[in-house]
């Protein structure tokens, strides 16, 4: 019963006040050992894999179909790898694999761990929105991110492997699917997100201190892009299990 509950058993709606995503490029050989057997890193130039750090301000998060006033407001932070998955029926999907999830409220951590496999922890993360900037800070998690949102001609980070923003946009996130894998039972849980008018715009990263990436295994990660979206309705469909029989 507990396993069933963790498989995202119902659709969830929310409104994104903002979603700030910083994507880091890292050599593919470093990422592959972190992934379940049935997932492959989504590569650029057959060399670079990508980790995205997303900080999302959500409002009215609730089971889909419930009235908005029953929802709750949370800050969600996720550390995800861009991946590809070929289903048991041969369909190829692009999506994300969760490495770590955080939130600003213990209630969300409890419910998130009850109904998903995302392994939430609660932390002191705060998002401060100014007229021309966004500042994300967490002393407990070692996060200090400052971006300039006013520069319409923001340049790609000097460390980026991309030649232009069009290339970078392919790895902006979030992608339509999120995958949770159980190698022991040969099951892959697929969560599909649905959104409208999703138009990420580039932002200039002034400062990005993220202790998660200070781990020795990520020492070769470099900032590849940073995008912001605002004021977007969003929902996640009920999870679907892809079961392999051979």
C-alpha atoms as a PDB file:
ATOM      1  CA  UNK A   1       0.000   0.000   0.000  1.00  0.00           C
ATOM      2  CA  UNK A   2       2.793   2.402   0.867  1.00  0.00           C
ATOM      3  CA  UNK A   3       4.482   1.707  -2.467  1.00  0.00           C
ATOM      4  CA  UNK A   4       1.260   2.508  -4.303  1.00  0.00           C
ATOM      5  CA  UNK A   5       0.919   5.808  -2.451  1.00  0.00           C
ATOM      6  CA  UNK A   6       4.447   6.825  -3.416  1.00  0.00           C
ATOM      7  CA  UNK A   7       3.726   6.272  -7.115  1.00  0.00           C
ATOM      8  CA  UNK A   8       2.081   9.697  -7.570  1.00  0.00           C
ATOM      9  CA  UNK A   9      -1.444   8.165  -7.338  1.00  0.00           C
ATOM     10  CA  UNK A  10      -3.349  11.324  -8.351  1.00  0.00           C
ATOM     11  CA  UNK A  11      -2.851  14.406 -10.498  1.00  0.00           C
ATOM     12  CA  UNK A  12      -1.580  17.590  -8.812  1.00  0.00           C
ATOM     13  CA  UNK A  13      -2.186  21.223  -9.776  1.00  0.00           C
ATOM     14  CA  UNK A  14      -0.192  24.335  -8.883  1.00  0.00           C
ATOM     15  CA  UNK A  15       0.537  27.855 -10.051  1.00  0.00           C
ATOM     16  CA  UNK A  16       4.159  28.779 -10.599  1.00  0.00           C
ATOM     17  CA  UNK A  17       4.866  32.347  -9.523  1.00  0.00           C
ATOM     18  CA  UNK A  18       8.390  31.746 -10.747  1.00  0.00           C
ATOM     19  CA  UNK A  19      10.686  28.946 -11.798  1.00  0.00           C
ATOM     20  CA  UNK A  20      14.391  29.741 -11.860  1.00  0.00           C
ATOM     21  CA  UNK A  21      16.585  27.062 -13.438  1.00  0.00           C
ATOM     22  CA  UNK A  22      20.374  26.988 -13.541  1.00  0.00           C
ATOM     23  CA  UNK A  23      21.788  24.209 -15.701  1.00  0.00           C
ATOM     24  CA  UNK A  24      25.320  22.884 -15.340  1.00  0.00           C
ATOM     25  CA  UNK A  25      27.241  20.911 -17.957  1.00  0.00           C
ATOM     26  CA  UNK A  26      29.311  17.997 -16.740  1.00  0.00           C
ATOM     27  CA  UNK A  27      31.237  15.252 -18.579  1.00  0.00           C
ATOM     28  CA  UNK A  28      28.910  12.369 -19.397  1.00  0.00           C
ATOM     29  CA  UNK A  29      31.120   9.721 -17.786  1.00  0.00           C
ATOM     30  CA  UNK A  30      30.582  11.375 -14.391  1.00  0.00           C
ATOM     31  CA  UNK A  31      26.789  11.296 -14.653  1.00  0.00           C
ATOM     32  CA  UNK A  32      26.252   7.780 -15.995  1.00  0.00           C
ATOM     33  CA  UNK A  33      27.046   5.974 -12.693  1.00  0.00           C
ATOM     34  CA  UNK A  34      24.420   8.104 -10.914  1.00  0.00           C
ATOM     35  CA  UNK A  35      21.575   6.901 -13.146  1.00  0.00           C
ATOM     36  CA  UNK A  36      19.421   3.758 -12.971  1.00  0.00           C
ATOM     37  CA  UNK A  37      20.116   1.108 -15.577  1.00  0.00           C
ATOM     38  CA  UNK A  38      17.290   2.042 -17.942  1.00  0.00           C
ATOM     39  CA  UNK A  39      18.079   5.768 -18.138  1.00  0.00           C
ATOM     40  CA  UNK A  40      20.717   7.410 -20.298  1.00  0.00           C
ATOM     41  CA  UNK A  41      22.050  10.943 -19.907  1.00  0.00           C
ATOM     42  CA  UNK A  42      20.695  13.378 -22.485  1.00  0.00           C
ATOM     43  CA  UNK A  43      23.897  14.500 -24.173  1.00  0.00           C
ATOM     44  CA  UNK A  44      25.095  17.528 -26.090  1.00  0.00           C
ATOM     45  CA  UNK A  45      27.864  16.958 -28.651  1.00  0.00           C
ATOM     46  CA  UNK A  46      28.090  13.357 -27.359  1.00  0.00           C
ATOM     47  CA  UNK A  47      30.143  14.736 -24.492  1.00  0.00           C
ATOM     48  CA  UNK A  48      28.191  16.890 -22.075  1.00  0.00           C
ATOM     49  CA  UNK A  49      25.503  15.744 -19.650  1.00  0.00           C
ATOM     50  CA  UNK A  50      23.493  18.238 -17.612  1.00  0.00           C
ATOM     51  CA  UNK A  51      22.352  18.803 -14.026  1.00  0.00           C
ATOM     52  CA  UNK A  52      19.622  21.387 -13.455  1.00  0.00           C
ATOM     53  CA  UNK A  53      18.997  23.196 -10.190  1.00  0.00           C
ATOM     54  CA  UNK A  54      15.426  24.506 -10.208  1.00  0.00           C
ATOM     55  CA  UNK A  55      13.897  26.773  -7.569  1.00  0.00           C
ATOM     56  CA  UNK A  56      10.135  27.081  -7.939  1.00  0.00           C
ATOM     57  CA  UNK A  57       7.713  29.326  -6.059  1.00  0.00           C
ATOM     58  CA  UNK A  58       4.395  27.487  -6.115  1.00  0.00           C
ATOM     59  CA  UNK A  59       0.948  28.675  -5.068  1.00  0.00           C
ATOM     60  CA  UNK A  60      -2.175  26.676  -4.348  1.00  0.00           C
ATOM     61  CA  UNK A  61      -0.526  23.280  -4.801  1.00  0.00           C
ATOM     62  CA  UNK A  62      -3.248  20.657  -4.368  1.00  0.00           C
ATOM     63  CA  UNK A  63      -4.765  17.482  -5.831  1.00  0.00           C
ATOM     64  CA  UNK A  64      -6.119  18.343  -9.262  1.00  0.00           C
ATOM     65  CA  UNK A  65      -9.855  19.078  -9.138  1.00  0.00           C
ATOM     66  CA  UNK A  66      -9.743  20.460  -5.607  1.00  0.00           C
ATOM     67  CA  UNK A  67     -10.603  24.171  -5.231  1.00  0.00           C
ATOM     68  CA  UNK A  68      -7.662  26.569  -5.188  1.00  0.00           C
ATOM     69  CA  UNK A  69      -8.294  27.727  -1.613  1.00  0.00           C
ATOM     70  CA  UNK A  70      -7.461  24.217  -0.414  1.00  0.00           C
ATOM     71  CA  UNK A  71      -3.969  24.454  -1.872  1.00  0.00           C
ATOM     72  CA  UNK A  72      -0.732  25.394  -0.149  1.00  0.00           C
ATOM     73  CA  UNK A  73       2.166  27.673  -1.075  1.00  0.00           C
ATOM     74  CA  UNK A  74       5.678  26.236  -1.089  1.00  0.00           C
ATOM     75  CA  UNK A  75       9.173  26.850  -2.354  1.00  0.00           C
ATOM     76  CA  UNK A  76      10.476  23.728  -4.083  1.00  0.00           C
ATOM     77  CA  UNK A  77      14.099  23.120  -5.019  1.00  0.00           C
ATOM     78  CA  UNK A  78      15.137  20.205  -7.191  1.00  0.00           C
ATOM     79  CA  UNK A  79      18.437  18.839  -8.417  1.00  0.00           C
ATOM     80  CA  UNK A  80      17.777  16.864 -11.585  1.00  0.00           C
ATOM     81  CA  UNK A  81      19.662  15.205 -14.443  1.00  0.00           C
ATOM     82  CA  UNK A  82      18.505  15.552 -18.049  1.00  0.00           C
ATOM     83  CA  UNK A  83      17.905  12.010 -19.305  1.00  0.00           C
ATOM     84  CA  UNK A  84      16.440   9.907 -22.091  1.00  0.00           C
ATOM     85  CA  UNK A  85      14.302   6.823 -21.643  1.00  0.00           C
ATOM     86  CA  UNK A  86      13.056   4.247 -24.147  1.00  0.00           C
ATOM     87  CA  UNK A  87       9.824   2.662 -22.917  1.00  0.00           C
ATOM     88  CA  UNK A  88       9.049  -1.037 -23.027  1.00  0.00           C
ATOM     89  CA  UNK A  89       7.015  -0.249 -26.161  1.00  0.00           C
ATOM     90  CA  UNK A  90       9.973   1.428 -27.856  1.00  0.00           C
ATOM     91  CA  UNK A  91       8.865   5.056 -27.417  1.00  0.00           C
ATOM     92  CA  UNK A  92      11.709   7.504 -26.760  1.00  0.00           C
ATOM     93  CA  UNK A  93      11.151  10.176 -24.108  1.00  0.00           C
ATOM     94  CA  UNK A  94      13.217  13.100 -22.811  1.00  0.00           C
ATOM     95  CA  UNK A  95      12.872  13.950 -19.184  1.00  0.00           C
ATOM     96  CA  UNK A  96      14.448  14.395 -15.768  1.00  0.00           C
ATOM     97  CA  UNK A  97      15.781  12.134 -13.046  1.00  0.00           C
ATOM     98  CA  UNK A  98      15.651  13.486  -9.487  1.00  0.00           C
ATOM     99  CA  UNK A  99      18.855  13.459  -7.451  1.00  0.00           C
ATOM    100  CA  UNK A 100      17.589  15.533  -4.529  1.00  0.00           C
ATOM    101  CA  UNK A 101      14.505  17.559  -3.536  1.00  0.00           C
ATOM    102  CA  UNK A 102      14.081  20.303  -0.939  1.00  0.00           C
ATOM    103  CA  UNK A 103      11.266  22.523   0.282  1.00  0.00           C
ATOM    104  CA  UNK A 104      10.758  25.378   2.714  1.00  0.00           C
ATOM    105  CA  UNK A 105       8.011  23.628   4.719  1.00  0.00           C
ATOM    106  CA  UNK A 106       7.947  20.377   6.686  1.00  0.00           C
ATOM    107  CA  UNK A 107       4.359  19.793   5.546  1.00  0.00           C
ATOM    108  CA  UNK A 108       5.479  19.613   1.922  1.00  0.00           C
ATOM    109  CA  UNK A 109       8.387  17.342   2.826  1.00  0.00           C
ATOM    110  CA  UNK A 110       6.004  14.957   4.602  1.00  0.00           C
ATOM    111  CA  UNK A 111       3.407  14.911   1.812  1.00  0.00           C
ATOM    112  CA  UNK A 112       6.051  14.799  -0.902  1.00  0.00           C
ATOM    113  CA  UNK A 113       7.632  11.734   0.655  1.00  0.00           C
ATOM    114  CA  UNK A 114       4.231  10.124   1.174  1.00  0.00           C
ATOM    115  CA  UNK A 115       3.133  10.463  -2.449  1.00  0.00           C
ATOM    116  CA  UNK A 116       6.409  10.525  -4.419  1.00  0.00           C
ATOM    117  CA  UNK A 117       9.867   8.938  -4.499  1.00  0.00           C
ATOM    118  CA  UNK A 118      11.597  12.320  -4.605  1.00  0.00           C
ATOM    119  CA  UNK A 119      13.118  12.127  -1.097  1.00  0.00           C
ATOM    120  CA  UNK A 120      12.219  15.613   0.113  1.00  0.00           C
ATOM    121  CA  UNK A 121      13.957  17.333   2.988  1.00  0.00           C
ATOM    122  CA  UNK A 122      12.902  20.627   4.550  1.00  0.00           C
ATOM    123  CA  UNK A 123      15.319  23.533   4.633  1.00  0.00           C
ATOM    124  CA  UNK A 124      15.450  27.295   5.196  1.00  0.00           C
ATOM    125  CA  UNK A 125      15.351  28.221   1.504  1.00  0.00           C
ATOM    126  CA  UNK A 126      13.981  31.680   0.696  1.00  0.00           C
ATOM    127  CA  UNK A 127      13.327  33.474  -2.601  1.00  0.00           C
ATOM    128  CA  UNK A 128      13.568  37.263  -2.545  1.00  0.00           C
ATOM    129  CA  UNK A 129      12.079  38.917  -5.642  1.00  0.00           C
ATOM    130  CA  UNK A 130      13.245  42.448  -6.391  1.00  0.00           C
ATOM    131  CA  UNK A 131      12.378  44.642  -9.356  1.00  0.00           C
ATOM    132  CA  UNK A 132      15.473  43.654 -11.318  1.00  0.00           C
ATOM    133  CA  UNK A 133      16.776  40.580  -9.534  1.00  0.00           C
ATOM    134  CA  UNK A 134      15.993  37.341  -7.728  1.00  0.00           C
ATOM    135  CA  UNK A 135      17.989  36.185  -4.710  1.00  0.00           C
ATOM    136  CA  UNK A 136      17.737  32.568  -3.535  1.00  0.00           C
ATOM    137  CA  UNK A 137      19.347  31.779  -0.208  1.00  0.00           C
ATOM    138  CA  UNK A 138      19.576  28.844   2.180  1.00  0.00           C
ATOM    139  CA  UNK A 139      22.134  28.724   4.968  1.00  0.00           C
ATOM    140  CA  UNK A 140      21.265  25.140   5.823  1.00  0.00           C
ATOM    141  CA  UNK A 141      21.629  23.872   2.250  1.00  0.00           C
ATOM    142  CA  UNK A 142      24.501  26.136   1.303  1.00  0.00           C
ATOM    143  CA  UNK A 143      22.713  27.949  -1.515  1.00  0.00           C
ATOM    144  CA  UNK A 144      23.302  31.565  -2.499  1.00  0.00           C
ATOM    145  CA  UNK A 145      22.076  32.452  -6.002  1.00  0.00           C
ATOM    146  CA  UNK A 146      21.658  35.962  -7.355  1.00  0.00           C
ATOM    147  CA  UNK A 147      20.408  36.616 -10.893  1.00  0.00           C
ATOM    148  CA  UNK A 148      19.805  39.817 -12.812  1.00  0.00           C
ATOM    149  CA  UNK A 149      16.372  39.619 -14.469  1.00  0.00           C
ATOM    150  CA  UNK A 150      16.546  43.029 -16.157  1.00  0.00           C
ATOM    151  CA  UNK A 151      19.187  42.342 -18.810  1.00  0.00           C
ATOM    152  CA  UNK A 152      17.246  41.494 -21.985  1.00  0.00           C
ATOM    153  CA  UNK A 153      20.546  40.926 -23.788  1.00  0.00           C
ATOM    154  CA  UNK A 154      22.030  38.579 -21.203  1.00  0.00           C
ATOM    155  CA  UNK A 155      25.012  36.685 -22.559  1.00  0.00           C
ATOM    156  CA  UNK A 156      25.534  32.977 -22.117  1.00  0.00           C
ATOM    157  CA  UNK A 157      27.853  32.093 -19.213  1.00  0.00           C
ATOM    158  CA  UNK A 158      31.452  32.151 -20.378  1.00  0.00           C
ATOM    159  CA  UNK A 159      31.761  28.496 -19.311  1.00  0.00           C
ATOM    160  CA  UNK A 160      28.788  27.355 -21.410  1.00  0.00           C
ATOM    161  CA  UNK A 161      29.343  24.662 -24.066  1.00  0.00           C
ATOM    162  CA  UNK A 162      26.499  26.190 -26.102  1.00  0.00           C
ATOM    163  CA  UNK A 163      27.093  28.610 -28.968  1.00  0.00           C
ATOM    164  CA  UNK A 164      23.784  30.433 -28.571  1.00  0.00           C
ATOM    165  CA  UNK A 165      20.601  30.644 -26.498  1.00  0.00           C
ATOM    166  CA  UNK A 166      18.693  28.521 -29.010  1.00  0.00           C
ATOM    167  CA  UNK A 167      20.973  25.575 -28.292  1.00  0.00           C
ATOM    168  CA  UNK A 168      20.828  26.307 -24.575  1.00  0.00           C
ATOM    169  CA  UNK A 169      17.016  26.362 -24.586  1.00  0.00           C
ATOM    170  CA  UNK A 170      16.908  22.586 -25.227  1.00  0.00           C
ATOM    171  CA  UNK A 171      18.361  22.104 -21.769  1.00  0.00           C
ATOM    172  CA  UNK A 172      16.371  24.741 -19.934  1.00  0.00           C
ATOM    173  CA  UNK A 173      13.828  22.458 -18.254  1.00  0.00           C
ATOM    174  CA  UNK A 174      11.535  21.373 -17.021  1.00  0.00           C
ATOM    175  CA  UNK A 175      11.038  18.648 -19.585  1.00  0.00           C
ATOM    176  CA  UNK A 176       7.645  16.954 -19.949  1.00  0.00           C
ATOM    177  CA  UNK A 177       8.569  13.800 -18.037  1.00  0.00           C
ATOM    178  CA  UNK A 178      10.146  12.816 -14.734  1.00  0.00           C
ATOM    179  CA  UNK A 179      11.281   9.234 -14.177  1.00  0.00           C
ATOM    180  CA  UNK A 180      11.629   7.088 -11.055  1.00  0.00           C
ATOM    181  CA  UNK A 181      13.187   3.671 -11.594  1.00  0.00           C
ATOM    182  CA  UNK A 182      13.128   0.435  -9.642  1.00  0.00           C
ATOM    183  CA  UNK A 183      15.839  -1.759 -11.132  1.00  0.00           C
ATOM    184  CA  UNK A 184      14.953  -4.654  -8.802  1.00  0.00           C
ATOM    185  CA  UNK A 185      11.361  -4.911 -10.088  1.00  0.00           C
ATOM    186  CA  UNK A 186      12.020  -3.685 -13.640  1.00  0.00           C
ATOM    187  CA  UNK A 187       9.544  -0.817 -13.237  1.00  0.00           C
ATOM    188  CA  UNK A 188       9.823   2.774 -14.366  1.00  0.00           C
ATOM    189  CA  UNK A 189       7.368   5.335 -13.007  1.00  0.00           C
ATOM    190  CA  UNK A 190       6.638   8.121 -15.494  1.00  0.00           C
ATOM    191  CA  UNK A 191       5.238  11.463 -14.315  1.00  0.00           C
ATOM    192  CA  UNK A 192       4.104  13.859 -17.036  1.00  0.00           C
ATOM    193  CA  UNK A 193       3.893  17.593 -16.430  1.00  0.00           C
ATOM    194  CA  UNK A 194       1.518  19.815 -18.407  1.00  0.00           C
ATOM    195  CA  UNK A 195       1.877  23.571 -18.834  1.00  0.00           C
ATOM    196  CA  UNK A 196       0.784  26.396 -21.119  1.00  0.00           C
ATOM    197  CA  UNK A 197       2.610  29.463 -22.461  1.00  0.00           C
ATOM    198  CA  UNK A 198       5.956  28.152 -21.260  1.00  0.00           C
ATOM    199  CA  UNK A 199       8.464  30.713 -22.514  1.00  0.00           C
ATOM    200  CA  UNK A 200      11.710  30.701 -20.515  1.00  0.00           C
ATOM    201  CA  UNK A 201      13.755  33.864 -20.784  1.00  0.00           C
ATOM    202  CA  UNK A 202      17.501  34.033 -20.226  1.00  0.00           C
ATOM    203  CA  UNK A 203      18.805  35.678 -17.055  1.00  0.00           C
ATOM    204  CA  UNK A 204      22.273  36.787 -16.042  1.00  0.00           C
ATOM    205  CA  UNK A 205      23.808  34.880 -13.144  1.00  0.00           C
ATOM    206  CA  UNK A 206      25.598  37.307 -10.833  1.00  0.00           C
ATOM    207  CA  UNK A 207      26.443  34.744  -8.158  1.00  0.00           C
ATOM    208  CA  UNK A 208      25.812  31.005  -7.795  1.00  0.00           C
ATOM    209  CA  UNK A 209      27.104  29.208  -4.727  1.00  0.00           C
ATOM    210  CA  UNK A 210      25.565  25.733  -4.481  1.00  0.00           C
ATOM    211  CA  UNK A 211      27.091  23.341  -1.967  1.00  0.00           C
ATOM    212  CA  UNK A 212      25.484  20.321  -3.654  1.00  0.00           C
ATOM    213  CA  UNK A 213      27.842  20.885  -6.599  1.00  0.00           C
ATOM    214  CA  UNK A 214      30.896  21.238  -4.367  1.00  0.00           C
ATOM    215  CA  UNK A 215      30.975  17.469  -3.977  1.00  0.00           C
ATOM    216  CA  UNK A 216      34.194  16.129  -5.497  1.00  0.00           C
ATOM    217  CA  UNK A 217      32.315  14.115  -8.113  1.00  0.00           C
ATOM    218  CA  UNK A 218      30.864  17.335  -9.564  1.00  0.00           C
ATOM    219  CA  UNK A 219      34.079  19.349  -9.567  1.00  0.00           C
ATOM    220  CA  UNK A 220      34.109  19.513 -13.379  1.00  0.00           C
ATOM    221  CA  UNK A 221      30.583  20.948 -13.648  1.00  0.00           C
ATOM    222  CA  UNK A 222      30.336  24.344 -15.376  1.00  0.00           C
ATOM    223  CA  UNK A 223      27.417  26.755 -15.635  1.00  0.00           C
ATOM    224  CA  UNK A 224      25.741  26.281 -19.024  1.00  0.00           C
ATOM    225  CA  UNK A 225      22.605  28.451 -18.904  1.00  0.00           C
ATOM    226  CA  UNK A 226      20.052  30.124 -16.646  1.00  0.00           C
ATOM    227  CA  UNK A 227      16.379  30.691 -17.456  1.00  0.00           C
ATOM    228  CA  UNK A 228      13.360  32.143 -15.684  1.00  0.00           C
ATOM    229  CA  UNK A 229       9.631  31.662 -16.240  1.00  0.00           C
ATOM    230  CA  UNK A 230       6.886  33.438 -14.311  1.00  0.00           C
ATOM    231  CA  UNK A 231       3.142  33.250 -13.750  1.00  0.00           C
ATOM    232  CA  UNK A 232       2.407  29.829 -15.251  1.00  0.00           C
ATOM    233  CA  UNK A 233      -0.360  27.330 -14.372  1.00  0.00           C
ATOM    234  CA  UNK A 234       1.021  23.811 -14.161  1.00  0.00           C
ATOM    235  CA  UNK A 235      -0.123  20.306 -13.309  1.00  0.00           C
ATOM    236  CA  UNK A 236       1.332  16.833 -13.037  1.00  0.00           C
ATOM    237  CA  UNK A 237      -0.627  13.850 -14.305  1.00  0.00           C
ATOM    238  CA  UNK A 238      -1.137  10.709 -12.269  1.00  0.00           C
ATOM    239  CA  UNK A 239       1.920   8.472 -12.420  1.00  0.00           C
ATOM    240  CA  UNK A 240       2.104   5.643 -14.961  1.00  0.00           C
ATOM    241  CA  UNK A 241       4.130   2.488 -14.445  1.00  0.00           C
ATOM    242  CA  UNK A 242       6.076   1.072 -17.361  1.00  0.00           C
ATOM    243  CA  UNK A 243       6.700  -2.576 -16.423  1.00  0.00           C
ATOM    244  CA  UNK A 244       9.356  -4.610 -18.187  1.00  0.00           C
ATOM    245  CA  UNK A 245       8.709  -8.339 -18.501  1.00  0.00           C
ATOM    246  CA  UNK A 246      12.041  -9.310 -19.988  1.00  0.00           C
END
